[in-house]
Protein backbone atom coordinates (compact mmCIF):
# COMPACT_ATOMS: atom_id res chain seq x y z
CA MET A 1 -206.04 156.31 147.09
CA LYS A 2 -209.04 157.56 149.02
CA PHE A 3 -212.51 156.96 147.58
CA GLY A 4 -213.20 160.73 147.25
CA GLU A 5 -210.06 161.18 145.14
CA TYR A 6 -211.05 158.16 143.01
CA VAL A 7 -214.47 159.64 142.14
CA GLY A 8 -212.99 163.08 141.38
CA HIS A 9 -213.66 165.04 144.57
CA LYS A 10 -211.04 167.64 145.30
CA THR A 11 -208.87 166.95 148.31
CA ARG A 12 -209.34 169.47 151.07
CA LYS A 13 -206.25 171.40 152.06
CA ILE A 14 -205.67 171.41 155.82
CA VAL A 15 -203.78 174.29 157.45
CA GLN A 16 -202.52 174.71 161.00
CA THR A 17 -204.28 177.51 162.93
CA SER A 18 -204.52 178.79 166.50
CA ILE A 19 -207.47 176.41 167.06
CA GLY A 20 -205.73 173.41 165.47
CA PRO A 21 -205.87 171.80 161.99
CA THR A 22 -208.60 173.42 159.85
CA GLU A 23 -209.73 173.27 156.21
CA LYS A 24 -208.29 176.22 154.26
CA ASP A 25 -211.65 177.08 152.59
CA PHE A 26 -213.44 177.02 155.96
CA LEU A 27 -210.78 179.31 157.37
CA LYS A 28 -211.23 181.82 154.53
CA ASN A 29 -215.01 181.79 154.22
CA VAL A 30 -216.25 181.15 157.75
CA ALA A 31 -213.52 181.93 160.26
CA ARG A 32 -212.35 184.97 158.21
CA GLU A 33 -208.75 184.22 159.08
CA ASN A 34 -205.52 183.62 157.15
CA PRO A 35 -203.40 180.51 157.83
CA ASN A 36 -200.90 182.74 159.68
CA GLY A 37 -203.64 183.76 162.16
CA SER A 38 -204.19 187.32 160.85
CA LYS A 39 -207.75 188.49 160.22
CA ILE A 40 -209.07 188.73 156.65
CA ASN A 41 -209.65 192.31 155.48
CA ASN A 42 -212.94 192.29 153.51
CA LYS A 43 -212.48 195.79 152.09
CA GLU A 44 -212.04 195.69 148.33
CA PHE A 45 -209.34 197.64 146.51
CA TYR A 46 -208.62 198.40 142.87
CA LEU A 47 -205.02 197.64 141.93
CA GLY A 48 -203.89 199.85 139.07
CA PHE A 49 -201.07 201.84 137.58
CA GLY A 50 -200.63 205.45 136.58
CA ILE A 51 -200.17 206.13 132.88
CA SER A 52 -199.04 209.14 130.91
CA LYS A 53 -201.86 211.56 130.03
CA LYS A 54 -199.88 212.43 126.92
CA ALA A 55 -200.09 208.82 125.66
CA ILE A 56 -203.88 208.76 125.84
CA LYS A 57 -204.51 212.41 124.82
CA ARG A 58 -205.57 211.78 121.18
CA VAL A 59 -208.20 209.20 122.16
CA HIS A 60 -209.37 211.30 125.12
CA ASP A 61 -209.80 214.47 123.05
CA TYR A 62 -211.52 212.60 120.23
CA ILE A 63 -214.18 211.04 122.52
CA LYS A 64 -214.58 214.33 124.40
CA SER A 65 -215.34 216.11 121.08
CA TRP A 66 -218.26 213.71 120.50
CA PHE A 67 -219.67 214.41 123.96
CA LEU A 68 -219.45 218.14 123.32
CA ARG A 69 -220.98 217.85 119.83
CA TYR A 70 -223.98 215.82 121.06
CA HIS A 71 -224.42 217.67 124.40
CA ILE A 72 -223.70 214.64 126.59
CA PRO A 73 -222.70 215.76 130.10
CA PHE A 74 -219.42 214.10 131.15
CA THR A 75 -216.68 214.08 133.75
CA SER A 76 -213.07 213.36 132.72
CA ILE A 77 -211.21 210.87 134.90
CA ASN A 78 -207.47 210.91 135.54
CA PRO A 79 -206.29 207.99 133.33
CA TYR A 80 -205.32 204.92 135.32
CA LEU A 81 -204.85 201.33 134.13
CA THR A 82 -206.87 199.04 136.40
CA LEU A 83 -205.96 195.34 136.55
CA TYR A 84 -207.61 193.79 139.60
CA VAL A 85 -210.15 194.16 142.36
CA LEU A 86 -208.51 192.64 145.45
CA LYS A 87 -209.64 191.67 148.92
CA ASN A 88 -207.71 190.76 152.08
CA ILE A 89 -204.92 193.29 151.50
CA PRO A 90 -202.41 193.31 154.40
CA ASN A 91 -202.64 196.26 156.80
CA ASN A 92 -199.00 197.09 156.07
CA LYS A 93 -199.34 197.80 152.34
CA SER A 94 -195.83 199.19 151.82
CA ASN A 95 -194.11 195.78 151.41
CA PHE A 96 -196.85 194.65 149.03
CA ILE A 97 -196.52 197.79 146.88
CA LYS A 98 -192.70 197.59 146.96
CA ALA A 99 -192.83 193.99 145.61
CA ILE A 100 -195.14 195.12 142.76
CA LYS A 101 -192.83 198.06 141.91
CA GLU A 102 -189.92 195.66 141.49
CA ALA A 103 -191.98 193.36 139.21
CA LYS A 104 -193.31 196.09 136.89
CA ARG A 105 -190.09 197.18 135.18
CA ASP A 106 -190.33 197.43 131.36
CA ILE A 107 -193.92 196.19 131.26
CA GLN A 108 -196.30 197.38 128.56
CA PHE A 109 -199.97 196.73 127.75
CA ASN A 110 -201.44 196.48 124.26
CA PRO A 111 -204.98 197.42 123.20
CA ASN A 112 -207.54 194.86 122.01
CA GLY A 113 -207.10 195.16 118.22
CA ALA A 114 -207.75 198.72 117.05
CA GLY A 115 -209.37 199.42 120.42
CA ASP A 116 -212.57 198.50 122.25
CA ILE A 117 -214.69 200.84 124.34
CA THR A 118 -217.18 199.54 126.88
CA PHE A 119 -219.80 201.35 128.92
CA VAL A 120 -220.41 200.10 132.46
CA LYS A 121 -223.51 201.21 134.36
CA GLY A 122 -223.17 202.20 138.00
CA SER A 123 -224.32 205.38 139.74
CA ASP A 124 -222.89 207.02 136.61
CA ILE A 125 -222.00 205.32 133.33
CA GLU A 126 -218.27 204.65 133.00
CA LEU A 127 -216.58 204.74 129.60
CA ARG A 128 -213.63 202.32 129.56
CA LEU A 129 -210.86 201.59 127.10
CA GLU A 130 -210.20 197.84 127.03
CA TYR A 131 -206.65 196.45 127.01
CA LYS A 132 -205.18 192.95 126.70
CA PRO A 133 -203.81 191.43 129.91
CA CYS A 134 -200.00 191.12 130.04
CA TYR A 135 -199.85 187.52 131.24
CA PRO A 136 -196.12 187.29 132.16
CA PHE A 137 -196.55 190.34 134.44
CA MET A 138 -199.83 189.06 135.89
CA GLU A 139 -198.20 185.71 136.70
CA LYS A 140 -195.56 187.60 138.70
CA LEU A 141 -198.36 189.44 140.51
CA ASP A 142 -200.12 186.15 141.35
CA GLU A 143 -196.93 185.03 143.12
CA ILE A 144 -196.80 188.31 145.07
CA PHE A 145 -200.48 188.12 146.14
CA GLY A 146 -200.14 185.08 148.44
CA ASP A 147 -203.24 185.16 150.72
CA ILE A 148 -204.71 188.18 148.91
CA GLU A 149 -207.97 187.26 147.19
CA VAL A 150 -208.58 188.29 143.57
CA VAL A 151 -212.24 189.35 143.34
CA LYS A 152 -212.08 190.41 139.69
CA GLU A 153 -209.49 190.63 136.93
CA HIS A 154 -210.17 193.17 134.17
CA THR A 155 -207.66 195.31 132.24
CA TYR A 156 -209.03 198.74 131.35
CA ILE A 157 -208.70 202.51 131.63
CA LYS A 158 -211.69 204.40 133.00
CA LEU A 159 -211.65 207.58 130.91
CA PHE A 160 -215.01 209.32 131.44
CA GLU A 161 -218.18 209.19 133.50
CA ILE A 162 -221.37 210.23 131.71
CA GLU A 163 -224.91 210.76 133.00
CA LYS A 164 -226.86 209.17 130.14
CA MET A 165 -226.13 206.32 127.77
CA MET A 166 -225.16 207.15 124.20
CA ASP A 167 -227.27 205.80 121.34
CA GLU A 168 -225.90 202.53 119.82
CA SER A 169 -225.56 204.03 116.32
CA LEU A 170 -223.76 207.06 117.76
CA ILE A 171 -221.26 204.76 119.53
CA GLU A 172 -220.63 202.87 116.27
CA ASP A 173 -220.06 206.15 114.38
CA MET A 174 -217.72 207.40 117.09
CA MET A 175 -215.68 204.18 117.09
CA TYR A 176 -215.40 204.12 113.29
CA SER A 177 -212.87 207.00 113.22
CA CYS A 178 -211.47 206.67 116.74
CA PRO A 179 -207.65 206.94 116.87
CA ARG A 180 -205.82 203.71 117.71
CA PHE A 181 -205.31 203.18 121.42
CA PRO A 182 -201.64 203.54 122.33
CA VAL A 183 -199.39 200.84 123.76
CA LEU A 184 -199.07 201.73 127.45
CA ARG A 185 -196.10 201.77 129.76
CA ILE A 186 -197.20 201.66 133.36
CA GLY A 187 -196.14 204.13 136.04
CA HIS A 188 -196.68 204.34 139.78
CA VAL A 189 -198.61 201.61 141.64
CA GLY A 190 -201.94 202.55 143.17
CA LEU A 191 -204.39 200.90 145.55
CA LEU A 192 -207.76 202.63 145.57
CA ARG A 193 -210.51 201.52 147.92
CA ARG A 194 -213.64 200.35 146.11
CA LYS A 195 -216.71 202.37 147.04
């Protein structure tokens, strides 16, 4: 046993590259190259799935009625279940998407309890419906990813964008009578470039 292993240091994984044996972390972070010699693509993409508008209609219409009642300007977003932000997607995305399509059969996602809503500030404020991760499906995806880097893992539906934040007490009142979020079956696979 090497001394570094004895004191708890992680062993460094060495991969073969065009310039010879190199540490895997160095290759990823400094050389910006995959072990197979291809360049790392630093563009980030959202990986998500289409869902039925009909499934989410009750919740959508309920929240929309509160925006209308309290004169909060909003933009409705086409409902889409987002699971990951990914980096280093291969240039030929068709094989990657095909592998995900085969893994997603009969998969469903459940809401967190009765349903949680979060507001995320960006250029506009996003209203998101939170869902529980489906771990068996996500384990299959981890196998498919290979050299693809997971930047973030978060299971949600972005439903609206609003210009100003709602008052805390107003959010609590709105959530008190909000319809239960539906169990979701996922549809087509989508990769959307992160802005």
